């Protein structure tokens, strides 16, 4: 009996690498869609996690900046008061 793509002849080939036959057509898109959607969802999860870490890092940096600004303002005020005392002496 004849089969498309010479399947009758391939059926008699020995097993192994040379004997493996690729399907004549790629798998249907419906078969690939769930894995593609899964990959997209995993990528979105990674992006959201990275964005949350970045937001946390930015917030932490803002707090450090505010604390440093306060210390610098205190140091400048102390220097100003020392300079003012030098001028009065």
Protein backbone atom coordinates (compact mmCIF):
# COMPACT_ATOMS: atom_id res chain seq x y z
CA UNK A 1 0.00 0.00 0.00
CA UNK A 2 1.28 3.43 -0.93
CA UNK A 3 1.58 6.20 1.73
CA UNK A 4 2.33 9.87 1.28
CA UNK A 5 5.94 11.10 1.53
CA UNK A 6 7.37 7.65 0.93
CA UNK A 7 6.29 6.37 4.34
CA UNK A 8 6.13 2.83 2.94
CA UNK A 9 9.83 2.93 2.12
CA UNK A 10 10.74 4.60 5.44
CA UNK A 11 8.89 1.93 7.39
CA UNK A 12 11.53 -0.58 6.22
CA UNK A 13 14.49 1.58 7.37
CA UNK A 14 16.45 0.38 10.38
CA UNK A 15 16.08 2.22 13.68
CA UNK A 16 18.59 4.75 14.92
CA UNK A 17 19.44 8.27 13.90
CA UNK A 18 19.27 7.60 10.17
CA UNK A 19 15.99 5.75 10.54
CA UNK A 20 14.13 8.50 12.37
CA UNK A 21 11.53 10.24 10.28
CA UNK A 22 10.43 13.81 10.91
CA UNK A 23 6.71 14.47 10.68
CA UNK A 24 5.87 16.02 7.31
CA UNK A 25 4.41 19.17 8.88
CA UNK A 26 5.22 21.21 12.01
CA UNK A 27 2.91 20.78 15.01
CA UNK A 28 -0.28 22.78 14.97
CA UNK A 29 -0.17 26.28 16.44
CA UNK A 30 -2.75 25.26 19.02
CA UNK A 31 -0.21 22.80 20.43
CA UNK A 32 2.46 25.50 20.75
CA UNK A 33 0.16 28.21 22.18
CA UNK A 34 0.00 26.99 25.82
CA UNK A 35 3.77 26.76 26.12
CA UNK A 36 4.18 30.19 24.52
CA UNK A 37 1.60 31.65 26.89
CA UNK A 38 3.35 29.99 29.82
CA UNK A 39 6.65 31.53 28.77
CA UNK A 40 5.01 34.96 28.44
CA UNK A 41 3.42 34.66 31.88
CA UNK A 42 6.73 33.62 33.44
CA UNK A 43 8.46 36.56 31.75
CA UNK A 44 5.80 38.95 33.05
CA UNK A 45 6.27 37.55 36.55
CA UNK A 46 10.02 38.16 36.32
CA UNK A 47 9.46 41.70 35.02
CA UNK A 48 7.01 42.50 37.82
CA UNK A 49 9.43 41.15 40.43
CA UNK A 50 12.28 43.22 38.98
CA UNK A 51 10.09 46.33 38.94
CA UNK A 52 9.11 45.77 42.57
CA UNK A 53 12.77 45.37 43.58
CA UNK A 54 13.66 48.52 41.69
CA UNK A 55 10.84 50.46 43.34
CA UNK A 56 12.01 49.21 46.75
CA UNK A 57 15.61 50.20 45.94
CA UNK A 58 14.48 53.67 44.82
CA UNK A 59 12.45 54.15 48.00
CA UNK A 60 15.38 53.01 50.14
CA UNK A 61 17.68 55.40 48.25
CA UNK A 62 15.25 58.28 48.87
CA UNK A 63 15.30 57.55 52.61
CA UNK A 64 19.11 57.42 52.65
CA UNK A 65 19.26 60.68 50.68
CA UNK A 66 16.90 62.38 53.13
CA UNK A 67 18.95 61.18 56.11
CA UNK A 68 22.19 62.36 54.50
CA UNK A 69 20.63 65.71 53.63
CA UNK A 70 19.58 66.15 57.27
CA UNK A 71 23.09 65.37 58.51
CA UNK A 72 24.66 67.80 56.02
CA UNK A 73 22.19 70.53 57.04
CA UNK A 74 23.08 69.95 60.71
CA UNK A 75 26.80 70.11 59.91
CA UNK A 76 26.37 73.35 57.94
CA UNK A 77 24.31 74.85 60.77
CA UNK A 78 27.06 73.89 63.26
CA UNK A 79 29.70 75.46 61.00
CA UNK A 80 27.57 78.60 60.64
CA UNK A 81 27.27 78.91 64.43
CA UNK A 82 31.06 78.44 64.83
CA UNK A 83 31.73 81.11 62.20
CA UNK A 84 29.26 83.43 63.92
CA UNK A 85 31.06 82.90 67.26
CA UNK A 86 34.43 83.67 65.61
CA UNK A 87 33.03 86.94 64.24
CA UNK A 88 31.74 88.03 67.67
CA UNK A 89 35.01 87.31 69.45
